[in-house]
Structures are given as C-alpha cells and as structure tokens.
Amino acid sequence: MEKPGDVTDVPRLESGNPNLVRGQSTRFLTDASFWTLRNINLGYTFNKDLVNKLGLNALRLSVTGENLLIQSARTGLDPQYNLAGTPAGNDYSPARIFSVGLNLTF
C-alpha cells in the first residue's frame, strides 16, 4: 500500500549504509544533447572586369568563424564538459574566433 511520499523525485536519506556510495541512481542524469556551429567559411571571388581595372589577375575575400554557437536545453555547464566542469584534457572553453582574408594575385 502506497503512502504519501512513496513516489517522489527526492532520494531517501540513508545513514549507516556502507554501500551507499556504490548505489546506482538516476537522480542527477540529464539530457546533455546539443548542437553546435563549429566552423563556417564564406568567400567571394570578384569578377575579372573589376579585378583587371585594379591591375590584378585575381581577387578573393573570405571570412571565417570558429566556435560560433552552441545550443542545448541543458542548463548550467556547457554540455561538452564533464561533471568537473572541464573538457577532457583542456581547462578552457574554446575561443570564438573571427578571421578575414584577402587573396591578391598580381
């Protein structure tokens, strides 16, 4: 017969149980699924008419972004990190980087 409090999401407090540390629980399991935009590279090659007017053979402009976005329903720590709060072998979050490139061919 169920009594009030038998069905709960709060674990029962136990003391004096030597196997307490070895017990299995789903109490702290969370959905850590995520998606990320790690790298994007956009480039534009200018047309020959404009390039020739500038006295060049070729002209290309590019923009690159790294570690731009991470999306997750998980709250708290970054889902890429372990419970200690750091990714394996790395103590820092990946930096968000933007780069611009210009290729000129004479």
PDB file of N, CA and C in Angstrom:
ATOM      1  N   MET A   1       0.835  -1.164   0.000  1.00  0.00           N
ATOM      2  CA  MET A   1       0.000   0.000   0.000  1.00  0.00           C
ATOM      3  C   MET A   1       0.893   1.245   0.000  1.00  0.00           C
ATOM      4  N   GLU A   2       0.646   2.145  -0.972  1.00  0.00           N
ATOM      5  CA  GLU A   2       1.418   3.376  -1.066  1.00  0.00           C
ATOM      6  C   GLU A   2       0.974   4.378  -0.022  1.00  0.00           C
ATOM      7  N   LYS A   3       1.975   5.071   0.499  1.00  0.00           N
ATOM      8  CA  LYS A   3       1.710   6.134   1.455  1.00  0.00           C
ATOM      9  C   LYS A   3       2.183   7.444   0.844  1.00  0.00           C
ATOM     10  N   PRO A   4       1.696   8.558   1.327  1.00  0.00           N
ATOM     11  CA  PRO A   4       2.186   9.840   0.817  1.00  0.00           C
ATOM     12  C   PRO A   4       3.710   9.916   0.948  1.00  0.00           C
ATOM     13  N   GLY A   5       4.365  10.300  -0.133  1.00  0.00           N
ATOM     14  CA  GLY A   5       5.827  10.394  -0.128  1.00  0.00           C
ATOM     15  C   GLY A   5       6.510   9.181  -0.701  1.00  0.00           C
ATOM     16  N   ASP A   6       5.782   8.074  -0.985  1.00  0.00           N
ATOM     17  CA  ASP A   6       6.412   6.887  -1.568  1.00  0.00           C
ATOM     18  C   ASP A   6       6.876   7.142  -3.002  1.00  0.00           C
ATOM     19  N   VAL A   7       6.145   7.933  -3.740  1.00  0.00           N
ATOM     20  CA  VAL A   7       6.523   8.273  -5.115  1.00  0.00           C
ATOM     21  C   VAL A   7       7.029   9.715  -5.094  1.00  0.00           C
ATOM     22  N   THR A   8       8.339   9.876  -5.329  1.00  0.00           N
ATOM     23  CA  THR A   8       8.966  11.193  -5.238  1.00  0.00           C
ATOM     24  C   THR A   8      10.183  11.252  -6.139  1.00  0.00           C
ATOM     25  N   ASP A   9      10.641  12.433  -6.431  1.00  0.00           N
ATOM     26  CA  ASP A   9      11.882  12.586  -7.187  1.00  0.00           C
ATOM     27  C   ASP A   9      13.050  12.926  -6.267  1.00  0.00           C
ATOM     28  N   VAL A  10      12.830  12.900  -4.981  1.00  0.00           N
ATOM     29  CA  VAL A  10      13.865  13.186  -3.997  1.00  0.00           C
ATOM     30  C   VAL A  10      14.301  11.867  -3.363  1.00  0.00           C
ATOM     31  N   PRO A  11      15.591  11.537  -3.418  1.00  0.00           N
ATOM     32  CA  PRO A  11      16.038  10.267  -2.849  1.00  0.00           C
ATOM     33  C   PRO A  11      15.907  10.220  -1.327  1.00  0.00           C
ATOM     34  N   ARG A  12      15.741   9.024  -0.833  1.00  0.00           N
ATOM     35  CA  ARG A  12      15.612   8.813   0.613  1.00  0.00           C
ATOM     36  C   ARG A  12      16.970   9.007   1.289  1.00  0.00           C
ATOM     37  N   LEU A  13      16.967   9.667   2.415  1.00  0.00           N
ATOM     38  CA  LEU A  13      18.185   9.860   3.182  1.00  0.00           C
ATOM     39  C   LEU A  13      18.505   8.570   3.918  1.00  0.00           C
ATOM     40  N   GLU A  14      19.746   8.099   3.760  1.00  0.00           N
ATOM     41  CA  GLU A  14      20.187   6.898   4.466  1.00  0.00           C
ATOM     42  C   GLU A  14      21.450   7.225   5.236  1.00  0.00           C
ATOM     43  N   SER A  15      21.573   6.632   6.407  1.00  0.00           N
ATOM     44  CA  SER A  15      22.821   6.763   7.152  1.00  0.00           C
ATOM     45  C   SER A  15      23.184   5.387   7.685  1.00  0.00           C
ATOM     46  N   GLY A  16      24.466   5.153   7.801  1.00  0.00           N
ATOM     47  CA  GLY A  16      24.923   3.865   8.303  1.00  0.00           C
ATOM     48  C   GLY A  16      24.954   2.777   7.251  1.00  0.00           C
ATOM     49  N   ASN A  17      24.735   3.081   5.999  1.00  0.00           N
ATOM     50  CA  ASN A  17      24.772   2.083   4.932  1.00  0.00           C
ATOM     51  C   ASN A  17      26.141   2.142   4.261  1.00  0.00           C
ATOM     52  N   PRO A  18      26.983   1.111   4.422  1.00  0.00           N
ATOM     53  CA  PRO A  18      28.332   1.139   3.837  1.00  0.00           C
ATOM     54  C   PRO A  18      28.313   1.074   2.313  1.00  0.00           C
ATOM     55  N   ASN A  19      27.223   0.615   1.714  1.00  0.00           N
ATOM     56  CA  ASN A  19      27.131   0.505   0.254  1.00  0.00           C
ATOM     57  C   ASN A  19      26.507   1.749  -0.387  1.00  0.00           C
ATOM     58  N   LEU A  20      26.274   2.776   0.399  1.00  0.00           N
ATOM     59  CA  LEU A  20      25.605   3.974  -0.101  1.00  0.00           C
ATOM     60  C   LEU A  20      26.345   4.608  -1.267  1.00  0.00           C
ATOM     61  N   VAL A  21      27.670   4.625  -1.202  1.00  0.00           N
ATOM     62  CA  VAL A  21      28.467   5.236  -2.262  1.00  0.00           C
ATOM     63  C   VAL A  21      28.357   4.434  -3.552  1.00  0.00           C
ATOM     64  N   ARG A  22      28.175   3.126  -3.451  1.00  0.00           N
ATOM     65  CA  ARG A  22      28.128   2.265  -4.626  1.00  0.00           C
ATOM     66  C   ARG A  22      26.731   2.160  -5.234  1.00  0.00           C
ATOM     67  N   GLY A  23      25.761   2.739  -4.578  1.00  0.00           N
ATOM     68  CA  GLY A  23      24.385   2.625  -5.078  1.00  0.00           C
ATOM     69  C   GLY A  23      24.192   3.355  -6.394  1.00  0.00           C
ATOM     70  N   GLN A  24      23.341   2.804  -7.242  1.00  0.00           N
ATOM     71  CA  GLN A  24      23.054   3.407  -8.539  1.00  0.00           C
ATOM     72  C   GLN A  24      21.816   4.282  -8.432  1.00  0.00           C
ATOM     73  N   SER A  25      21.858   5.432  -9.078  1.00  0.00           N
ATOM     74  CA  SER A  25      20.733   6.344  -9.058  1.00  0.00           C
ATOM     75  C   SER A  25      20.690   7.125 -10.362  1.00  0.00           C
ATOM     76  N   THR A  26      19.495   7.447 -10.808  1.00  0.00           N
ATOM     77  CA  THR A  26      19.328   8.293 -11.984  1.00  0.00           C
ATOM     78  C   THR A  26      19.022   9.730 -11.571  1.00  0.00           C
ATOM     79  N   ARG A  27      19.194  10.027 -10.315  1.00  0.00           N
ATOM     80  CA  ARG A  27      18.827  11.330  -9.767  1.00  0.00           C
ATOM     81  C   ARG A  27      19.439  12.500 -10.535  1.00  0.00           C
ATOM     82  N   PHE A  28      20.705  12.390 -10.869  1.00  0.00           N
ATOM     83  CA  PHE A  28      21.394  13.523 -11.474  1.00  0.00           C
ATOM     84  C   PHE A  28      21.647  13.344 -12.971  1.00  0.00           C
ATOM     85  N   LEU A  29      20.985  12.406 -13.608  1.00  0.00           N
ATOM     86  CA  LEU A  29      21.112  12.249 -15.056  1.00  0.00           C
ATOM     87  C   LEU A  29      20.298  13.330 -15.755  1.00  0.00           C
ATOM     88  N   THR A  30      20.899  13.934 -16.755  1.00  0.00           N
ATOM     89  CA  THR A  30      20.208  14.965 -17.533  1.00  0.00           C
ATOM     90  C   THR A  30      20.459  14.720 -19.016  1.00  0.00           C
ATOM     91  N   ASP A  31      19.601  15.273 -19.836  1.00  0.00           N
ATOM     92  CA  ASP A  31      19.792  15.198 -21.276  1.00  0.00           C
ATOM     93  C   ASP A  31      20.828  16.240 -21.655  1.00  0.00           C
ATOM     94  N   ALA A  32      21.994  15.788 -22.105  1.00  0.00           N
ATOM     95  CA  ALA A  32      23.076  16.702 -22.460  1.00  0.00           C
ATOM     96  C   ALA A  32      23.259  16.793 -23.971  1.00  0.00           C
ATOM     97  N   SER A  33      22.215  16.465 -24.736  1.00  0.00           N
ATOM     98  CA  SER A  33      22.344  16.571 -26.186  1.00  0.00           C
ATOM     99  C   SER A  33      22.461  18.042 -26.574  1.00  0.00           C
ATOM    100  N   PHE A  34      23.200  18.291 -27.641  1.00  0.00           N
ATOM    101  CA  PHE A  34      23.416  19.654 -28.083  1.00  0.00           C
ATOM    102  C   PHE A  34      23.793  19.655 -29.550  1.00  0.00           C
ATOM    103  N   TRP A  35      23.714  20.824 -30.153  1.00  0.00           N
ATOM    104  CA  TRP A  35      24.255  21.006 -31.495  1.00  0.00           C
ATOM    105  C   TRP A  35      25.094  22.274 -31.480  1.00  0.00           C
ATOM    106  N   THR A  36      26.052  22.298 -32.387  1.00  0.00           N
ATOM    107  CA  THR A  36      26.991  23.400 -32.383  1.00  0.00           C
ATOM    108  C   THR A  36      27.368  23.800 -33.803  1.00  0.00           C
ATOM    109  N   LEU A  37      27.678  25.049 -33.979  1.00  0.00           N
ATOM    110  CA  LEU A  37      28.216  25.550 -35.240  1.00  0.00           C
ATOM    111  C   LEU A  37      29.686  25.846 -34.973  1.00  0.00           C
ATOM    112  N   ARG A  38      30.540  24.916 -35.381  1.00  0.00           N
ATOM    113  CA  ARG A  38      31.959  25.000 -35.054  1.00  0.00           C
ATOM    114  C   ARG A  38      32.749  25.842 -36.046  1.00  0.00           C
ATOM    115  N   ASN A  39      32.410  25.744 -37.340  1.00  0.00           N
ATOM    116  CA  ASN A  39      33.231  26.412 -38.327  1.00  0.00           C
ATOM    117  C   ASN A  39      32.382  26.792 -39.529  1.00  0.00           C
ATOM    118  N   ILE A  40      32.567  27.997 -40.010  1.00  0.00           N
ATOM    119  CA  ILE A  40      31.918  28.432 -41.240  1.00  0.00           C
ATOM    120  C   ILE A  40      32.906  29.316 -41.993  1.00  0.00           C
ATOM    121  N   ASN A  41      32.947  29.125 -43.309  1.00  0.00           N
ATOM    122  CA  ASN A  41      33.864  29.881 -44.150  1.00  0.00           C
ATOM    123  C   ASN A  41      33.075  30.398 -45.349  1.00  0.00           C
ATOM    124  N   LEU A  42      33.047  31.710 -45.502  1.00  0.00           N
ATOM    125  CA  LEU A  42      32.363  32.342 -46.625  1.00  0.00           C
ATOM    126  C   LEU A  42      33.401  33.080 -47.459  1.00  0.00           C
ATOM    127  N   GLY A  43      33.314  32.909 -48.780  1.00  0.00           N
ATOM    128  CA  GLY A  43      34.273  33.576 -49.648  1.00  0.00           C
ATOM    129  C   GLY A  43      33.608  34.116 -50.895  1.00  0.00           C
ATOM    130  N   TYR A  44      34.225  35.136 -51.449  1.00  0.00           N
ATOM    131  CA  TYR A  44      33.717  35.725 -52.683  1.00  0.00           C
ATOM    132  C   TYR A  44      34.898  36.032 -53.592  1.00  0.00           C
ATOM    133  N   THR A  45      34.824  35.545 -54.826  1.00  0.00           N
ATOM    134  CA  THR A  45      35.825  35.848 -55.836  1.00  0.00           C
ATOM    135  C   THR A  45      35.261  36.934 -56.745  1.00  0.00           C
ATOM    136  N   PHE A  46      35.963  38.052 -56.828  1.00  0.00           N
ATOM    137  CA  PHE A  46      35.495  39.185 -57.621  1.00  0.00           C
ATOM    138  C   PHE A  46      35.619  38.880 -59.111  1.00  0.00           C
ATOM    139  N   ASN A  47      34.735  39.482 -59.924  1.00  0.00           N
ATOM    140  CA  ASN A  47      34.737  39.199 -61.360  1.00  0.00           C
ATOM    141  C   ASN A  47      35.963  39.825 -62.036  1.00  0.00           C
ATOM    142  N   LYS A  48      36.312  39.259 -63.181  1.00  0.00           N
ATOM    143  CA  LYS A  48      37.532  39.633 -63.891  1.00  0.00           C
ATOM    144  C   LYS A  48      37.554  41.101 -64.317  1.00  0.00           C
ATOM    145  N   ASP A  49      36.400  41.656 -64.684  1.00  0.00           N
ATOM    146  CA  ASP A  49      36.368  43.051 -65.133  1.00  0.00           C
ATOM    147  C   ASP A  49      36.853  43.995 -64.036  1.00  0.00           C
ATOM    148  N   LEU A  50      36.325  43.827 -62.842  1.00  0.00           N
ATOM    149  CA  LEU A  50      36.738  44.671 -61.721  1.00  0.00           C
ATOM    150  C   LEU A  50      38.198  44.424 -61.360  1.00  0.00           C
ATOM    151  N   VAL A  51      38.602  43.166 -61.347  1.00  0.00           N
ATOM    152  CA  VAL A  51      39.971  42.803 -60.972  1.00  0.00           C
ATOM    153  C   VAL A  51      40.970  43.404 -61.958  1.00  0.00           C
ATOM    154  N   ASN A  52      40.644  43.336 -63.253  1.00  0.00           N
ATOM    155  CA  ASN A  52      41.545  43.891 -64.267  1.00  0.00           C
ATOM    156  C   ASN A  52      41.659  45.411 -64.147  1.00  0.00           C
ATOM    157  N   LYS A  53      40.567  46.104 -63.788  1.00  0.00           N
ATOM    158  CA  LYS A  53      40.606  47.555 -63.596  1.00  0.00           C
ATOM    159  C   LYS A  53      41.534  47.942 -62.450  1.00  0.00           C
ATOM    160  N   LEU A  54      41.653  47.066 -61.479  1.00  0.00           N
ATOM    161  CA  LEU A  54      42.535  47.320 -60.332  1.00  0.00           C
ATOM    162  C   LEU A  54      43.986  46.925 -60.617  1.00  0.00           C
ATOM    163  N   GLY A  55      44.230  46.339 -61.802  1.00  0.00           N
ATOM    164  CA  GLY A  55      45.585  45.922 -62.164  1.00  0.00           C
ATOM    165  C   GLY A  55      45.982  44.596 -61.541  1.00  0.00           C
ATOM    166  N   LEU A  56      45.003  43.761 -61.226  1.00  0.00           N
ATOM    167  CA  LEU A  56      45.266  42.464 -60.610  1.00  0.00           C
ATOM    168  C   LEU A  56      44.845  41.339 -61.551  1.00  0.00           C
ATOM    169  N   ASN A  57      45.331  40.134 -61.284  1.00  0.00           N
ATOM    170  CA  ASN A  57      44.889  38.947 -62.029  1.00  0.00           C
ATOM    171  C   ASN A  57      43.722  38.262 -61.326  1.00  0.00           C
ATOM    172  N   ALA A  58      43.694  38.314 -59.993  1.00  0.00           N
ATOM    173  CA  ALA A  58      42.614  37.687 -59.222  1.00  0.00           C
ATOM    174  C   ALA A  58      42.480  38.384 -57.872  1.00  0.00           C
ATOM    175  N   LEU A  59      41.245  38.370 -57.340  1.00  0.00           N
ATOM    176  CA  LEU A  59      40.968  38.981 -56.042  1.00  0.00           C
ATOM    177  C   LEU A  59      39.881  38.163 -55.348  1.00  0.00           C
ATOM    178  N   ARG A  60      40.171  37.712 -54.132  1.00  0.00           N
ATOM    179  CA  ARG A  60      39.214  36.913 -53.360  1.00  0.00           C
ATOM    180  C   ARG A  60      39.187  37.409 -51.916  1.00  0.00           C
ATOM    181  N   LEU A  61      37.982  37.561 -51.367  1.00  0.00           N
ATOM    182  CA  LEU A  61      37.766  37.973 -49.983  1.00  0.00           C
ATOM    183  C   LEU A  61      37.108  36.813 -49.246  1.00  0.00           C
ATOM    184  N   SER A  62      37.576  36.497 -48.041  1.00  0.00           N
ATOM    185  CA  SER A  62      36.969  35.409 -47.265  1.00  0.00           C
ATOM    186  C   SER A  62      36.813  35.810 -45.804  1.00  0.00           C
ATOM    187  N   VAL A  63      35.802  35.246 -45.168  1.00  0.00           N
ATOM    188  CA  VAL A  63      35.529  35.453 -43.751  1.00  0.00           C
ATOM    189  C   VAL A  63      35.319  34.080 -43.125  1.00  0.00           C
ATOM    190  N   THR A  64      35.975  33.834 -42.009  1.00  0.00           N
ATOM    191  CA  THR A  64      35.868  32.552 -41.313  1.00  0.00           C
ATOM    192  C   THR A  64      35.496  32.792 -39.853  1.00  0.00           C
ATOM    193  N   GLY A  65      34.611  31.946 -39.331  1.00  0.00           N
ATOM    194  CA  GLY A  65      34.255  31.992 -37.919  1.00  0.00           C
ATOM    195  C   GLY A  65      34.361  30.605 -37.317  1.00  0.00           C
ATOM    196  N   GLU A  66      34.878  30.522 -36.096  1.00  0.00           N
ATOM    197  CA  GLU A  66      35.018  29.245 -35.395  1.00  0.00           C
ATOM    198  C   GLU A  66      34.347  29.333 -34.031  1.00  0.00           C
ATOM    199  N   ASN A  67      33.761  28.212 -33.590  1.00  0.00           N
ATOM    200  CA  ASN A  67      33.078  28.111 -32.295  1.00  0.00           C
ATOM    201  C   ASN A  67      32.026  29.206 -32.150  1.00  0.00           C
ATOM    202  N   LEU A  68      31.162  29.310 -33.151  1.00  0.00           N
ATOM    203  CA  LEU A  68      30.213  30.414 -33.214  1.00  0.00           C
ATOM    204  C   LEU A  68      28.988  30.221 -32.337  1.00  0.00           C
ATOM    205  N   LEU A  69      28.511  28.985 -32.185  1.00  0.00           N
ATOM    206  CA  LEU A  69      27.241  28.787 -31.495  1.00  0.00           C
ATOM    207  C   LEU A  69      27.171  27.398 -30.886  1.00  0.00           C
ATOM    208  N   ILE A  70      26.579  27.288 -29.713  1.00  0.00           N
ATOM    209  CA  ILE A  70      26.242  26.000 -29.116  1.00  0.00           C
ATOM    210  C   ILE A  70      24.830  26.116 -28.566  1.00  0.00           C
ATOM    211  N   GLN A  71      23.980  25.152 -28.872  1.00  0.00           N
ATOM    212  CA  GLN A  71      22.576  25.193 -28.482  1.00  0.00           C
ATOM    213  C   GLN A  71      22.231  23.916 -27.719  1.00  0.00           C
ATOM    214  N   SER A  72      21.677  24.056 -26.530  1.00  0.00           N
ATOM    215  CA  SER A  72      21.315  22.909 -25.705  1.00  0.00           C
ATOM    216  C   SER A  72      20.175  23.291 -24.769  1.00  0.00           C
ATOM    217  N   ALA A  73      19.340  22.314 -24.444  1.00  0.00           N
ATOM    218  CA  ALA A  73      18.279  22.547 -23.468  1.00  0.00           C
ATOM    219  C   ALA A  73      18.825  22.427 -22.049  1.00  0.00           C
ATOM    220  N   ARG A  74      20.023  21.884 -21.906  1.00  0.00           N
ATOM    221  CA  ARG A  74      20.631  21.701 -20.594  1.00  0.00           C
ATOM    222  C   ARG A  74      20.976  23.049 -19.981  1.00  0.00           C
ATOM    223  N   THR A  75      20.689  23.204 -18.709  1.00  0.00           N
ATOM    224  CA  THR A  75      21.063  24.419 -18.003  1.00  0.00           C
ATOM    225  C   THR A  75      22.348  24.170 -17.221  1.00  0.00           C
ATOM    226  N   GLY A  76      23.049  25.201 -16.942  1.00  0.00           N
ATOM    227  CA  GLY A  76      24.277  25.048 -16.158  1.00  0.00           C
ATOM    228  C   GLY A  76      25.489  24.959 -17.056  1.00  0.00           C
ATOM    229  N   LEU A  77      26.309  23.941 -16.822  1.00  0.00           N
ATOM    230  CA  LEU A  77      27.575  23.787 -17.530  1.00  0.00           C
ATOM    231  C   LEU A  77      27.383  23.547 -19.021  1.00  0.00           C
ATOM    232  N   ASP A  78      28.397  23.882 -19.787  1.00  0.00           N
ATOM    233  CA  ASP A  78      28.460  23.583 -21.207  1.00  0.00           C
ATOM    234  C   ASP A  78      28.335  22.054 -21.367  1.00  0.00           C
ATOM    235  N   PRO A  79      27.453  21.556 -22.235  1.00  0.00           N
ATOM    236  CA  PRO A  79      27.254  20.111 -22.355  1.00  0.00           C
ATOM    237  C   PRO A  79      28.468  19.357 -22.892  1.00  0.00           C
ATOM    238  N   GLN A  80      29.461  20.064 -23.414  1.00  0.00           N
ATOM    239  CA  GLN A  80      30.681  19.400 -23.873  1.00  0.00           C
ATOM    240  C   GLN A  80      31.591  19.034 -22.710  1.00  0.00           C
ATOM    241  N   TYR A  81      31.305  19.554 -21.520  1.00  0.00           N
ATOM    242  CA  TYR A  81      32.183  19.389 -20.377  1.00  0.00           C
ATOM    243  C   TYR A  81      31.732  18.231 -19.495  1.00  0.00           C
ATOM    244  N   ASN A  82      32.676  17.672 -18.748  1.00  0.00           N
ATOM    245  CA  ASN A  82      32.344  16.613 -17.811  1.00  0.00           C
ATOM    246  C   ASN A  82      31.820  17.227 -16.508  1.00  0.00           C
ATOM    247  N   LEU A  83      31.529  16.406 -15.531  1.00  0.00           N
ATOM    248  CA  LEU A  83      30.943  16.916 -14.288  1.00  0.00           C
ATOM    249  C   LEU A  83      31.879  17.825 -13.508  1.00  0.00           C
ATOM    250  N   ALA A  84      33.178  17.716 -13.760  1.00  0.00           N
ATOM    251  CA  ALA A  84      34.126  18.603 -13.097  1.00  0.00           C
ATOM    252  C   ALA A  84      34.097  19.996 -13.719  1.00  0.00           C
ATOM    253  N   GLY A  85      33.404  20.140 -14.854  1.00  0.00           N
ATOM    254  CA  GLY A  85      33.276  21.438 -15.485  1.00  0.00           C
ATOM    255  C   GLY A  85      34.331  21.742 -16.522  1.00  0.00           C
ATOM    256  N   THR A  86      35.150  20.751 -16.881  1.00  0.00           N
ATOM    257  CA  THR A  86      36.186  20.985 -17.886  1.00  0.00           C
ATOM    258  C   THR A  86      36.135  19.887 -18.946  1.00  0.00           C
ATOM    259  N   PRO A  87      36.451  20.232 -20.195  1.00  0.00           N
ATOM    260  CA  PRO A  87      36.553  19.192 -21.211  1.00  0.00           C
ATOM    261  C   PRO A  87      37.793  18.354 -20.941  1.00  0.00           C
ATOM    262  N   ALA A  88      37.784  17.121 -21.354  1.00  0.00           N
ATOM    263  CA  ALA A  88      38.909  16.227 -21.097  1.00  0.00           C
ATOM    264  C   ALA A  88      40.203  16.808 -21.665  1.00  0.00           C
ATOM    265  N   GLY A  89      41.193  17.003 -20.819  1.00  0.00           N
ATOM    266  CA  GLY A  89      42.497  17.480 -21.250  1.00  0.00           C
ATOM    267  C   GLY A  89      42.564  18.961 -21.564  1.00  0.00           C
ATOM    268  N   ASN A  90      41.531  19.706 -21.237  1.00  0.00           N
ATOM    269  CA  ASN A  90      41.536  21.128 -21.564  1.00  0.00           C
ATOM    270  C   ASN A  90      40.784  21.876 -20.471  1.00  0.00           C
ATOM    271  N   ASP A  91      41.372  22.919 -19.956  1.00  0.00           N
ATOM    272  CA  ASP A  91      40.745  23.658 -18.862  1.00  0.00           C
ATOM    273  C   ASP A  91      40.008  24.910 -19.304  1.00  0.00           C
ATOM    274  N   TYR A  92      40.016  25.226 -20.592  1.00  0.00           N
ATOM    275  CA  TYR A  92      39.405  26.465 -21.065  1.00  0.00           C
ATOM    276  C   TYR A  92      38.353  26.194 -22.131  1.00  0.00           C
ATOM    277  N   SER A  93      37.349  27.041 -22.195  1.00  0.00           N
ATOM    278  CA  SER A  93      36.348  26.960 -23.251  1.00  0.00           C
ATOM    279  C   SER A  93      37.008  27.296 -24.574  1.00  0.00           C
ATOM    280  N   PRO A  94      36.534  26.687 -25.668  1.00  0.00           N
ATOM    281  CA  PRO A  94      37.103  27.068 -26.955  1.00  0.00           C
ATOM    282  C   PRO A  94      36.759  28.522 -27.278  1.00  0.00           C
ATOM    283  N   ALA A  95      37.729  29.254 -27.746  1.00  0.00           N
ATOM    284  CA  ALA A  95      37.546  30.672 -28.043  1.00  0.00           C
ATOM    285  C   ALA A  95      36.722  30.851 -29.318  1.00  0.00           C
ATOM    286  N   ARG A  96      35.926  31.893 -29.350  1.00  0.00           N
ATOM    287  CA  ARG A  96      35.206  32.276 -30.567  1.00  0.00           C
ATOM    288  C   ARG A  96      36.165  33.122 -31.397  1.00  0.00           C
ATOM    289  N   ILE A  97      36.398  32.692 -32.638  1.00  0.00           N
ATOM    290  CA  ILE A  97      37.408  33.324 -33.477  1.00  0.00           C
ATOM    291  C   ILE A  97      36.782  33.777 -34.794  1.00  0.00           C
ATOM    292  N   PHE A  98      37.101  34.992 -35.200  1.00  0.00           N
ATOM    293  CA  PHE A  98      36.697  35.528 -36.495  1.00  0.00           C
ATOM    294  C   PHE A  98      37.962  35.895 -37.257  1.00  0.00           C
ATOM    295  N   SER A  99      38.030  35.494 -38.526  1.00  0.00           N
ATOM    296  CA  SER A  99      39.182  35.809 -39.371  1.00  0.00           C
ATOM    297  C   SER A  99      38.697  36.352 -40.707  1.00  0.00           C
ATOM    298  N   VAL A 100      39.453  37.286 -41.244  1.00  0.00           N
ATOM    299  CA  VAL A 100      39.174  37.855 -42.563  1.00  0.00           C
ATOM    300  C   VAL A 100      40.411  37.665 -43.416  1.00  0.00           C
ATOM    301  N   GLY A 101      40.210  37.222 -44.657  1.00  0.00           N
ATOM    302  CA  GLY A 101      41.332  37.011 -45.556  1.00  0.00           C
ATOM    303  C   GLY A 101      41.113  37.726 -46.877  1.00  0.00           C
ATOM    304  N   LEU A 102      42.216  38.169 -47.461  1.00  0.00           N
ATOM    305  CA  LEU A 102      42.183  38.809 -48.768  1.00  0.00           C
ATOM    306  C   LEU A 102      43.308  38.214 -49.593  1.00  0.00           C
ATOM    307  N   ASN A 103      42.958  37.569 -50.711  1.00  0.00           N
ATOM    308  CA  ASN A 103      43.941  36.970 -51.603  1.00  0.00           C
ATOM    309  C   ASN A 103      44.051  37.835 -52.852  1.00  0.00           C
ATOM    310  N   LEU A 104      45.241  38.328 -53.120  1.00  0.00           N
ATOM    311  CA  LEU A 104      45.509  39.136 -54.308  1.00  0.00           C
ATOM    312  C   LEU A 104      46.497  38.381 -55.189  1.00  0.00           C
ATOM    313  N   THR A 105      46.209  38.320 -56.466  1.00  0.00           N
ATOM    314  CA  THR A 105      47.152  37.719 -57.418  1.00  0.00           C
ATOM    315  C   THR A 105      47.524  38.794 -58.437  1.00  0.00           C
ATOM    316  N   PHE A 106      48.836  39.047 -58.544  1.00  0.00           N
ATOM    317  CA  PHE A 106      49.311  40.088 -59.465  1.00  0.00           C
ATOM    318  C   PHE A 106      49.739  39.481 -60.768  1.00  0.00           C
TER     319      PHE A 106
END
